[in-house]
Amino acid sequence: MDAYRAGHREADAMFDTAQSKFLGELGATPQEIFDFVEDTFYGGEPGFETTLLITAARREYFLSVQAGKRSGRVIDMDKLPPKSARLEGIEWLPRIIEKARVKLRGEMPPDLMYCCGGDRDFLREHGIHPADFLREVWAAGEDVQRILNFVRKSAAGRPRDLPPAVCQILPGGRVKC
């Protein structure tokens, strides 16, 4: 955040070579972290804790599934389901499922962000933390019904009186949004 405040308003300018190398060892890119910083700077979200939890989920996938090696692919954004796509009546769900898969594999194009404003709105509406959604998509694999059930169950148990954009880490690492 300090680098952004200091005027480093592009991903390549925000991180030096050693920092970029470190991010690569986590399976992250400077652009992904820059996007989180920029959104947090202007809108207060996703914030440091959420960024850390998302990056940790990606790191686990990168190290355990990809054995620390990038796929070398970047998806074509035009291949994503449209924002208006629905899965059993739930708008945005097909898109965010695919974005989560792409995030886990580290195949995000520079102009795409997992946990963008639209993703955050969707996840908040359904009572799901962005990192928890990533982990559920990872665990579900190709089982879209499992993801759908997770979303429905989360939405059914979501307290409706919480203000938007409030997430906190509770004792034991649980996240309350």
N, C-alpha and C. Protein backbone atom coordinates (compact mmCIF):
# COMPACT_ATOMS: atom_id res chain seq x y z
N MET A 1 0.84 -1.18 0.00
CA MET A 1 0.00 0.00 0.00
C MET A 1 0.88 1.25 0.00
N ASP A 2 1.99 1.20 0.72
CA ASP A 2 2.89 2.36 0.78
C ASP A 2 3.43 2.69 -0.60
N ALA A 3 3.79 1.66 -1.37
CA ALA A 3 4.31 1.90 -2.71
C ALA A 3 3.24 2.55 -3.59
N TYR A 4 2.00 2.13 -3.44
CA TYR A 4 0.92 2.72 -4.23
C TYR A 4 0.73 4.19 -3.84
N ARG A 5 0.71 4.44 -2.54
CA ARG A 5 0.60 5.82 -2.05
C ARG A 5 1.75 6.70 -2.56
N ALA A 6 2.93 6.08 -2.71
CA ALA A 6 4.12 6.81 -3.15
C ALA A 6 4.12 7.06 -4.66
N GLY A 7 3.08 6.60 -5.36
CA GLY A 7 2.97 6.89 -6.78
C GLY A 7 3.30 5.75 -7.71
N HIS A 8 3.58 4.57 -7.18
CA HIS A 8 3.85 3.40 -8.03
C HIS A 8 2.52 2.83 -8.49
N ARG A 9 2.02 3.35 -9.60
CA ARG A 9 0.66 3.04 -10.03
C ARG A 9 0.61 2.02 -11.17
N GLU A 10 1.66 1.25 -11.32
CA GLU A 10 1.68 0.14 -12.28
C GLU A 10 2.34 -1.04 -11.60
N ALA A 11 1.90 -2.24 -11.94
CA ALA A 11 2.40 -3.45 -11.28
C ALA A 11 3.91 -3.56 -11.39
N ASP A 12 4.47 -3.29 -12.55
CA ASP A 12 5.91 -3.44 -12.75
C ASP A 12 6.71 -2.44 -11.91
N ALA A 13 6.12 -1.28 -11.61
CA ALA A 13 6.82 -0.26 -10.83
C ALA A 13 6.67 -0.49 -9.32
N MET A 14 5.68 -1.27 -8.93
CA MET A 14 5.41 -1.45 -7.50
C MET A 14 6.40 -2.41 -6.84
N PHE A 15 6.90 -3.38 -7.59
CA PHE A 15 7.75 -4.42 -7.02
C PHE A 15 9.11 -4.42 -7.68
N ASP A 16 10.16 -4.56 -6.86
CA ASP A 16 11.50 -4.69 -7.44
C ASP A 16 11.71 -6.14 -7.86
N THR A 17 12.87 -6.43 -8.40
CA THR A 17 13.17 -7.77 -8.94
C THR A 17 13.06 -8.84 -7.86
N ALA A 18 13.61 -8.58 -6.69
CA ALA A 18 13.56 -9.57 -5.60
C ALA A 18 12.13 -9.82 -5.15
N GLN A 19 11.33 -8.77 -5.05
CA GLN A 19 9.93 -8.92 -4.64
C GLN A 19 9.14 -9.69 -5.69
N SER A 20 9.37 -9.38 -6.96
CA SER A 20 8.69 -10.10 -8.04
C SER A 20 9.07 -11.58 -8.04
N LYS A 21 10.33 -11.86 -7.78
CA LYS A 21 10.79 -13.25 -7.70
C LYS A 21 10.09 -13.97 -6.55
N PHE A 22 10.00 -13.31 -5.40
CA PHE A 22 9.32 -13.89 -4.24
C PHE A 22 7.86 -14.18 -4.56
N LEU A 23 7.17 -13.23 -5.19
CA LEU A 23 5.79 -13.46 -5.57
C LEU A 23 5.67 -14.67 -6.49
N GLY A 24 6.60 -14.79 -7.44
CA GLY A 24 6.60 -15.94 -8.34
C GLY A 24 6.75 -17.26 -7.60
N GLU A 25 7.53 -17.26 -6.52
CA GLU A 25 7.71 -18.48 -5.72
C GLU A 25 6.43 -18.85 -4.98
N LEU A 26 5.54 -17.88 -4.81
CA LEU A 26 4.24 -18.14 -4.18
C LEU A 26 3.19 -18.54 -5.22
N GLY A 27 3.54 -18.40 -6.49
CA GLY A 27 2.57 -18.65 -7.55
C GLY A 27 1.78 -17.40 -7.90
N ALA A 28 2.19 -16.25 -7.36
CA ALA A 28 1.49 -14.99 -7.61
C ALA A 28 2.26 -14.17 -8.65
N THR A 29 1.58 -13.17 -9.18
CA THR A 29 2.23 -12.24 -10.10
C THR A 29 2.13 -10.84 -9.52
N PRO A 30 3.04 -9.96 -9.90
CA PRO A 30 2.92 -8.58 -9.46
C PRO A 30 1.57 -7.96 -9.83
N GLN A 31 1.03 -8.31 -11.00
CA GLN A 31 -0.25 -7.74 -11.43
C GLN A 31 -1.38 -8.13 -10.48
N GLU A 32 -1.41 -9.40 -10.06
CA GLU A 32 -2.47 -9.85 -9.15
C GLU A 32 -2.43 -9.08 -7.83
N ILE A 33 -1.25 -8.94 -7.26
CA ILE A 33 -1.12 -8.23 -5.99
C ILE A 33 -1.40 -6.75 -6.18
N PHE A 34 -0.92 -6.19 -7.28
CA PHE A 34 -1.20 -4.79 -7.59
C PHE A 34 -2.70 -4.53 -7.64
N ASP A 35 -3.45 -5.42 -8.29
CA ASP A 35 -4.91 -5.26 -8.39
C ASP A 35 -5.56 -5.24 -7.01
N PHE A 36 -5.10 -6.12 -6.11
CA PHE A 36 -5.64 -6.13 -4.75
C PHE A 36 -5.33 -4.82 -4.04
N VAL A 37 -4.10 -4.34 -4.19
CA VAL A 37 -3.69 -3.08 -3.55
C VAL A 37 -4.50 -1.92 -4.10
N GLU A 38 -4.64 -1.86 -5.41
CA GLU A 38 -5.38 -0.76 -6.03
C GLU A 38 -6.84 -0.73 -5.58
N ASP A 39 -7.50 -1.90 -5.60
CA ASP A 39 -8.90 -1.95 -5.16
C ASP A 39 -9.02 -1.57 -3.69
N THR A 40 -8.09 -2.02 -2.87
CA THR A 40 -8.11 -1.68 -1.45
C THR A 40 -7.90 -0.19 -1.26
N PHE A 41 -6.98 0.39 -2.02
CA PHE A 41 -6.68 1.82 -1.91
C PHE A 41 -7.91 2.66 -2.22
N TYR A 42 -8.61 2.32 -3.29
CA TYR A 42 -9.76 3.14 -3.71
C TYR A 42 -11.07 2.76 -3.05
N GLY A 43 -11.24 1.48 -2.70
CA GLY A 43 -12.54 1.07 -2.17
C GLY A 43 -12.52 0.39 -0.82
N GLY A 44 -11.34 0.18 -0.26
CA GLY A 44 -11.25 -0.46 1.04
C GLY A 44 -11.32 -1.98 1.01
N GLU A 45 -11.53 -2.53 -0.16
CA GLU A 45 -11.62 -3.99 -0.32
C GLU A 45 -10.72 -4.42 -1.46
N PRO A 46 -10.18 -5.60 -1.39
CA PRO A 46 -10.44 -6.69 -0.47
C PRO A 46 -9.68 -6.59 0.86
N GLY A 47 -8.70 -5.74 0.96
CA GLY A 47 -7.97 -5.59 2.22
C GLY A 47 -6.82 -6.57 2.33
N PHE A 48 -5.94 -6.28 3.29
CA PHE A 48 -4.74 -7.09 3.47
C PHE A 48 -5.06 -8.54 3.82
N GLU A 49 -5.94 -8.76 4.80
CA GLU A 49 -6.21 -10.12 5.27
C GLU A 49 -6.80 -11.00 4.16
N THR A 50 -7.75 -10.45 3.42
CA THR A 50 -8.35 -11.23 2.34
C THR A 50 -7.33 -11.51 1.24
N THR A 51 -6.52 -10.51 0.91
CA THR A 51 -5.46 -10.71 -0.08
C THR A 51 -4.53 -11.82 0.37
N LEU A 52 -4.15 -11.81 1.64
CA LEU A 52 -3.26 -12.83 2.18
C LEU A 52 -3.90 -14.22 2.10
N LEU A 53 -5.16 -14.33 2.46
CA LEU A 53 -5.83 -15.64 2.43
C LEU A 53 -6.00 -16.17 1.00
N ILE A 54 -6.32 -15.29 0.06
CA ILE A 54 -6.43 -15.70 -1.34
C ILE A 54 -5.07 -16.16 -1.86
N THR A 55 -4.04 -15.38 -1.55
CA THR A 55 -2.70 -15.71 -2.02
C THR A 55 -2.22 -17.01 -1.39
N ALA A 56 -2.59 -17.25 -0.14
CA ALA A 56 -2.21 -18.51 0.52
C ALA A 56 -2.88 -19.71 -0.15
N ALA A 57 -4.14 -19.56 -0.53
CA ALA A 57 -4.83 -20.65 -1.23
C ALA A 57 -4.17 -20.92 -2.58
N ARG A 58 -3.85 -19.87 -3.31
CA ARG A 58 -3.15 -20.03 -4.59
C ARG A 58 -1.80 -20.69 -4.38
N ARG A 59 -1.07 -20.26 -3.34
CA ARG A 59 0.25 -20.82 -3.05
C ARG A 59 0.16 -22.32 -2.78
N GLU A 60 -0.81 -22.72 -1.96
CA GLU A 60 -0.99 -24.15 -1.67
C GLU A 60 -1.23 -24.94 -2.94
N TYR A 61 -2.11 -24.44 -3.79
CA TYR A 61 -2.40 -25.11 -5.06
C TYR A 61 -1.15 -25.18 -5.92
N PHE A 62 -0.46 -24.06 -6.03
CA PHE A 62 0.76 -23.95 -6.84
C PHE A 62 1.80 -24.97 -6.39
N LEU A 63 2.00 -25.08 -5.10
CA LEU A 63 3.04 -25.98 -4.60
C LEU A 63 2.60 -27.44 -4.58
N SER A 64 1.34 -27.70 -4.23
CA SER A 64 0.92 -29.10 -4.10
C SER A 64 0.41 -29.72 -5.40
N VAL A 65 -0.35 -28.97 -6.17
CA VAL A 65 -0.91 -29.52 -7.41
C VAL A 65 0.02 -29.28 -8.59
N GLN A 66 0.58 -28.09 -8.66
CA GLN A 66 1.43 -27.74 -9.80
C GLN A 66 2.92 -27.96 -9.52
N ALA A 67 3.24 -28.47 -8.36
CA ALA A 67 4.63 -28.75 -7.98
C ALA A 67 5.54 -27.54 -8.19
N GLY A 68 4.99 -26.35 -7.94
CA GLY A 68 5.78 -25.13 -8.04
C GLY A 68 6.10 -24.68 -9.46
N LYS A 69 5.37 -25.22 -10.43
CA LYS A 69 5.61 -24.86 -11.83
C LYS A 69 4.34 -24.27 -12.44
N ARG A 70 4.49 -23.14 -13.05
CA ARG A 70 3.35 -22.49 -13.73
C ARG A 70 2.94 -23.32 -14.95
N SER A 71 1.67 -23.21 -15.31
CA SER A 71 1.17 -23.94 -16.48
C SER A 71 1.68 -23.34 -17.78
N GLY A 72 2.04 -22.06 -17.75
CA GLY A 72 2.50 -21.40 -18.97
C GLY A 72 1.36 -20.87 -19.83
N ARG A 73 0.13 -21.07 -19.38
CA ARG A 73 -1.04 -20.60 -20.12
C ARG A 73 -1.62 -19.36 -19.47
N VAL A 74 -2.28 -18.57 -20.28
CA VAL A 74 -3.09 -17.45 -19.82
C VAL A 74 -4.41 -17.58 -20.56
N ILE A 75 -5.51 -17.55 -19.85
CA ILE A 75 -6.80 -17.76 -20.51
C ILE A 75 -7.20 -16.53 -21.32
N ASP A 76 -8.06 -16.77 -22.27
CA ASP A 76 -8.66 -15.71 -23.08
C ASP A 76 -9.92 -15.26 -22.34
N MET A 77 -9.96 -14.01 -21.95
CA MET A 77 -11.11 -13.50 -21.18
C MET A 77 -12.43 -13.70 -21.92
N ASP A 78 -12.40 -13.70 -23.23
CA ASP A 78 -13.63 -13.88 -24.00
C ASP A 78 -14.20 -15.28 -23.86
N LYS A 79 -13.41 -16.21 -23.33
CA LYS A 79 -13.88 -17.59 -23.14
C LYS A 79 -14.61 -17.78 -21.80
N LEU A 80 -14.53 -16.77 -20.93
CA LEU A 80 -15.23 -16.86 -19.65
C LEU A 80 -16.74 -16.77 -19.86
N PRO A 81 -17.51 -17.41 -19.01
CA PRO A 81 -18.96 -17.20 -19.08
C PRO A 81 -19.26 -15.71 -18.86
N PRO A 82 -20.29 -15.20 -19.51
CA PRO A 82 -20.63 -13.78 -19.31
C PRO A 82 -21.09 -13.53 -17.88
N LYS A 83 -21.03 -12.28 -17.48
CA LYS A 83 -21.46 -11.90 -16.13
C LYS A 83 -22.92 -12.26 -15.88
N SER A 84 -23.72 -12.26 -16.91
CA SER A 84 -25.15 -12.54 -16.78
C SER A 84 -25.47 -14.04 -16.80
N ALA A 85 -24.46 -14.90 -17.02
CA ALA A 85 -24.71 -16.35 -17.07
C ALA A 85 -25.22 -16.82 -15.72
N ARG A 86 -26.11 -17.81 -15.76
CA ARG A 86 -26.72 -18.34 -14.55
C ARG A 86 -26.50 -19.85 -14.46
N LEU A 87 -26.43 -20.32 -13.23
CA LEU A 87 -26.41 -21.74 -12.95
C LEU A 87 -27.56 -22.00 -11.98
N GLU A 88 -28.54 -22.73 -12.44
CA GLU A 88 -29.76 -22.98 -11.66
C GLU A 88 -30.29 -21.69 -11.03
N GLY A 89 -30.35 -20.65 -11.85
CA GLY A 89 -30.93 -19.38 -11.44
C GLY A 89 -30.00 -18.42 -10.73
N ILE A 90 -28.77 -18.83 -10.46
CA ILE A 90 -27.84 -17.98 -9.73
C ILE A 90 -26.91 -17.28 -10.72
N GLU A 91 -27.17 -15.98 -10.89
CA GLU A 91 -26.37 -15.17 -11.80
C GLU A 91 -24.96 -15.00 -11.25
N TRP A 92 -24.00 -14.98 -12.15
CA TRP A 92 -22.57 -14.76 -11.88
C TRP A 92 -21.86 -16.05 -11.48
N LEU A 93 -22.59 -17.05 -11.01
CA LEU A 93 -21.96 -18.27 -10.52
C LEU A 93 -21.11 -18.98 -11.58
N PRO A 94 -21.59 -19.18 -12.81
CA PRO A 94 -20.71 -19.84 -13.79
C PRO A 94 -19.41 -19.07 -14.01
N ARG A 95 -19.49 -17.75 -14.02
CA ARG A 95 -18.31 -16.93 -14.25
C ARG A 95 -17.32 -17.03 -13.08
N ILE A 96 -17.81 -16.92 -11.86
CA ILE A 96 -16.89 -16.93 -10.73
C ILE A 96 -16.29 -18.32 -10.50
N ILE A 97 -17.01 -19.36 -10.85
CA ILE A 97 -16.42 -20.70 -10.76
C ILE A 97 -15.22 -20.78 -11.70
N GLU A 98 -15.40 -20.34 -12.91
CA GLU A 98 -14.28 -20.41 -13.88
C GLU A 98 -13.15 -19.47 -13.47
N LYS A 99 -13.48 -18.29 -12.97
CA LYS A 99 -12.43 -17.37 -12.51
C LYS A 99 -11.65 -17.99 -11.35
N ALA A 100 -12.32 -18.68 -10.45
CA ALA A 100 -11.63 -19.34 -9.34
C ALA A 100 -10.69 -20.42 -9.86
N ARG A 101 -11.13 -21.20 -10.81
CA ARG A 101 -10.27 -22.24 -11.40
C ARG A 101 -9.03 -21.62 -12.05
N VAL A 102 -9.26 -20.54 -12.78
CA VAL A 102 -8.17 -19.85 -13.46
C VAL A 102 -7.20 -19.26 -12.43
N LYS A 103 -7.73 -18.69 -11.36
CA LYS A 103 -6.89 -18.13 -10.29
C LYS A 103 -6.05 -19.22 -9.65
N LEU A 104 -6.67 -20.34 -9.34
CA LEU A 104 -5.92 -21.44 -8.74
C LEU A 104 -4.78 -21.90 -9.64
N ARG A 105 -5.03 -21.99 -10.93
CA ARG A 105 -4.00 -22.45 -11.88
C ARG A 105 -2.98 -21.37 -12.22
N GLY A 106 -3.25 -20.12 -11.81
CA GLY A 106 -2.33 -19.03 -12.12
C GLY A 106 -2.36 -18.63 -13.58
N GLU A 107 -3.53 -18.69 -14.18
CA GLU A 107 -3.67 -18.41 -15.62
C GLU A 107 -4.47 -17.14 -15.90
N MET A 108 -4.45 -16.20 -14.95
CA MET A 108 -5.20 -14.95 -15.10
C MET A 108 -4.51 -14.03 -16.10
N PRO A 109 -5.27 -13.49 -17.05
CA PRO A 109 -4.69 -12.44 -17.90
C PRO A 109 -4.57 -11.16 -17.08
N PRO A 110 -3.71 -10.25 -17.49
CA PRO A 110 -3.50 -9.03 -16.70
C PRO A 110 -4.76 -8.20 -16.48
N ASP A 111 -5.73 -8.28 -17.38
CA ASP A 111 -6.94 -7.46 -17.27
C ASP A 111 -8.07 -8.14 -16.49
N LEU A 112 -7.80 -9.27 -15.87
CA LEU A 112 -8.82 -10.01 -15.13
C LEU A 112 -8.37 -10.15 -13.69
N MET A 113 -9.33 -10.02 -12.79
CA MET A 113 -9.02 -10.11 -11.36
C MET A 113 -10.00 -11.04 -10.68
N TYR A 114 -9.48 -12.02 -9.95
CA TYR A 114 -10.34 -12.79 -9.06
C TYR A 114 -10.54 -11.93 -7.81
N CYS A 115 -11.76 -11.83 -7.35
CA CYS A 115 -12.14 -11.01 -6.20
C CYS A 115 -12.25 -9.54 -6.59
N CYS A 116 -12.67 -9.31 -7.83
CA CYS A 116 -12.99 -7.95 -8.28
C CYS A 116 -14.28 -7.51 -7.58
N GLY A 117 -14.72 -6.31 -7.84
CA GLY A 117 -15.93 -5.80 -7.20
C GLY A 117 -17.14 -6.69 -7.44
N GLY A 118 -17.32 -7.18 -8.66
CA GLY A 118 -18.46 -8.06 -8.95
C GLY A 118 -18.37 -9.37 -8.20
N ASP A 119 -17.16 -9.94 -8.13
CA ASP A 119 -16.97 -11.18 -7.37
C ASP A 119 -17.25 -10.94 -5.89
N ARG A 120 -16.73 -9.83 -5.37
CA ARG A 120 -16.94 -9.53 -3.95
C ARG A 120 -18.43 -9.36 -3.64
N ASP A 121 -19.15 -8.68 -4.52
CA ASP A 121 -20.60 -8.52 -4.32
C ASP A 121 -21.30 -9.87 -4.29
N PHE A 122 -20.96 -10.73 -5.25
CA PHE A 122 -21.57 -12.06 -5.33
C PHE A 122 -21.26 -12.85 -4.06
N LEU A 123 -20.00 -12.89 -3.68
CA LEU A 123 -19.60 -13.69 -2.53
C LEU A 123 -20.19 -13.14 -1.23
N ARG A 124 -20.22 -11.84 -1.09
CA ARG A 124 -20.81 -11.23 0.11
C ARG A 124 -22.30 -11.57 0.18
N GLU A 125 -22.99 -11.47 -0.96
CA GLU A 125 -24.42 -11.78 -1.00
C GLU A 125 -24.70 -13.22 -0.57
N HIS A 126 -23.75 -14.10 -0.85
CA HIS A 126 -23.94 -15.51 -0.52
C HIS A 126 -23.21 -15.93 0.76
N GLY A 127 -22.62 -14.95 1.47
CA GLY A 127 -21.99 -15.25 2.75
C GLY A 127 -20.73 -16.09 2.65
N ILE A 128 -19.95 -15.88 1.60
CA ILE A 128 -18.76 -16.70 1.36
C ILE A 128 -17.52 -15.80 1.30
N HIS A 129 -16.48 -16.20 1.99
CA HIS A 129 -15.21 -15.49 1.90
C HIS A 129 -14.54 -15.90 0.58
N PRO A 130 -13.89 -14.97 -0.11
CA PRO A 130 -13.25 -15.29 -1.40
C PRO A 130 -12.26 -16.45 -1.33
N ALA A 131 -11.48 -16.54 -0.25
CA ALA A 131 -10.52 -17.64 -0.12
C ALA A 131 -11.24 -18.96 0.11
N ASP A 132 -12.33 -18.94 0.86
CA ASP A 132 -13.11 -20.17 1.07
C ASP A 132 -13.71 -20.67 -0.25
N PHE A 133 -14.14 -19.73 -1.08
CA PHE A 133 -14.69 -20.13 -2.38
C PHE A 133 -13.59 -20.78 -3.23
N LEU A 134 -12.40 -20.21 -3.24
CA LEU A 134 -11.29 -20.82 -3.98
C LEU A 134 -11.05 -22.25 -3.51
N ARG A 135 -10.99 -22.42 -2.21
CA ARG A 135 -10.71 -23.75 -1.66
C ARG A 135 -11.83 -24.74 -1.97
N GLU A 136 -13.07 -24.27 -1.97
CA GLU A 136 -14.18 -25.16 -2.31
C GLU A 136 -14.13 -25.56 -3.78
N VAL A 137 -13.82 -24.61 -4.65
CA VAL A 137 -13.70 -24.92 -6.08
C VAL A 137 -12.57 -25.92 -6.29
N TRP A 138 -11.47 -25.74 -5.60
CA TRP A 138 -10.34 -26.68 -5.67
C TRP A 138 -10.80 -28.07 -5.23
N ALA A 139 -11.46 -28.15 -4.07
CA ALA A 139 -11.89 -29.44 -3.53
C ALA A 139 -12.93 -30.11 -4.42
N ALA A 140 -13.79 -29.31 -5.04
CA ALA A 140 -14.87 -29.86 -5.87
C ALA A 140 -14.37 -30.38 -7.21
N GLY A 141 -13.26 -29.87 -7.68
CA GLY A 141 -12.77 -30.29 -9.00
C GLY A 141 -13.80 -29.94 -10.06
N GLU A 142 -14.24 -30.91 -10.80
CA GLU A 142 -15.23 -30.69 -11.87
C GLU A 142 -16.67 -30.86 -11.38
N ASP A 143 -16.86 -31.11 -10.09
CA ASP A 143 -18.19 -31.34 -9.52
C ASP A 143 -18.91 -30.00 -9.28
N VAL A 144 -19.53 -29.49 -10.32
CA VAL A 144 -20.22 -28.20 -10.24
C VAL A 144 -21.39 -28.27 -9.26
N GLN A 145 -22.02 -29.43 -9.15
CA GLN A 145 -23.13 -29.58 -8.21
C GLN A 145 -22.66 -29.35 -6.77
N ARG A 146 -21.48 -29.81 -6.46
CA ARG A 146 -20.93 -29.59 -5.11
C ARG A 146 -20.76 -28.09 -4.85
N ILE A 147 -20.25 -27.37 -5.84
CA ILE A 147 -20.06 -25.93 -5.68
C ILE A 147 -21.41 -25.24 -5.52
N LEU A 148 -22.37 -25.63 -6.34
CA LEU A 148 -23.72 -25.07 -6.24
C LEU A 148 -24.31 -25.32 -4.86
N ASN A 149 -24.15 -26.52 -4.33
CA ASN A 149 -24.66 -26.84 -2.99
C ASN A 149 -23.96 -25.99 -1.93
N PHE A 150 -22.67 -25.80 -2.08
CA PHE A 150 -21.89 -24.97 -1.15
C PHE A 150 -22.43 -23.53 -1.15
N VAL A 151 -22.66 -22.99 -2.33
CA VAL A 151 -23.17 -21.62 -2.44
C VAL A 151 -24.55 -21.52 -1.81
N ARG A 152 -25.41 -22.46 -2.12
CA ARG A 152 -26.77 -22.42 -1.56
C ARG A 152 -26.76 -22.55 -0.04
N LYS A 153 -25.95 -23.46 0.46
CA LYS A 153 -25.86 -23.66 1.91
C LYS A 153 -25.30 -22.42 2.58
N SER A 154 -24.28 -21.83 1.99
CA SER A 154 -23.68 -20.62 2.56
C SER A 154 -24.68 -19.47 2.57
N ALA A 155 -25.40 -19.31 1.48
CA ALA A 155 -26.38 -18.21 1.38
C ALA A 155 -27.50 -18.42 2.40
N ALA A 156 -27.91 -19.66 2.62
CA ALA A 156 -28.99 -19.93 3.56
C ALA A 156 -28.59 -19.62 4.99
N GLY A 157 -27.31 -19.75 5.31
CA GLY A 157 -26.86 -19.52 6.66
C GLY A 157 -26.27 -18.14 6.90
N ARG A 158 -26.31 -17.29 5.89
CA ARG A 158 -25.69 -15.96 5.99
C ARG A 158 -26.55 -15.03 6.83
N PRO A 159 -25.95 -14.41 7.84
CA PRO A 159 -26.70 -13.39 8.59
C PRO A 159 -27.01 -12.20 7.69
N ARG A 160 -28.22 -11.74 7.66
CA ARG A 160 -28.63 -10.66 6.76
C ARG A 160 -28.39 -9.26 7.34
N ASP A 161 -28.00 -9.17 8.62
CA ASP A 161 -27.84 -7.85 9.22
C ASP A 161 -26.41 -7.33 9.20
N LEU A 162 -25.49 -8.06 8.58
CA LEU A 162 -24.11 -7.59 8.51
C LEU A 162 -23.99 -6.48 7.47
N PRO A 163 -23.25 -5.44 7.77
CA PRO A 163 -23.04 -4.40 6.77
C PRO A 163 -22.15 -4.93 5.65
N PRO A 164 -22.25 -4.38 4.46
CA PRO A 164 -21.41 -4.85 3.37
C PRO A 164 -19.94 -4.57 3.62
N ALA A 165 -19.09 -5.37 3.01
CA ALA A 165 -17.64 -5.18 3.00
C ALA A 165 -17.00 -5.27 4.38
N VAL A 166 -17.58 -6.06 5.28
CA VAL A 166 -16.97 -6.21 6.58
C VAL A 166 -16.58 -7.68 6.75
N CYS A 167 -15.29 -7.93 6.81
CA CYS A 167 -14.80 -9.27 7.07
C CYS A 167 -13.75 -9.17 8.16
N GLN A 168 -13.76 -10.12 9.08
CA GLN A 168 -12.74 -10.14 10.10
C GLN A 168 -12.32 -11.57 10.34
N ILE A 169 -11.06 -11.72 10.72
CA ILE A 169 -10.54 -13.03 11.06
C ILE A 169 -10.81 -13.26 12.54
N LEU A 170 -11.49 -14.36 12.86
CA LEU A 170 -11.86 -14.69 14.23
C LEU A 170 -10.85 -15.69 14.79
N PRO A 171 -10.87 -15.90 16.11
CA PRO A 171 -9.98 -16.91 16.70
C PRO A 171 -10.16 -18.25 15.99
N GLY A 172 -9.08 -18.95 15.81
CA GLY A 172 -9.11 -20.23 15.11
C GLY A 172 -9.04 -20.10 13.61
N GLY A 173 -8.86 -18.86 13.10
CA GLY A 173 -8.72 -18.64 11.67
C GLY A 173 -10.01 -18.56 10.91
N ARG A 174 -11.16 -18.65 11.61
CA ARG A 174 -12.43 -18.51 10.89
C ARG A 174 -12.59 -17.10 10.40
N VAL A 175 -13.33 -16.94 9.31
CA VAL A 175 -13.55 -15.62 8.75
C VAL A 175 -15.03 -15.30 8.85
N LYS A 176 -15.32 -14.11 9.34
CA LYS A 176 -16.71 -13.64 9.45
C LYS A 176 -16.87 -12.45 8.50
N CYS A 177 -17.80 -12.56 7.56
CA CYS A 177 -18.06 -11.46 6.62
C CYS A 177 -19.47 -10.96 6.80
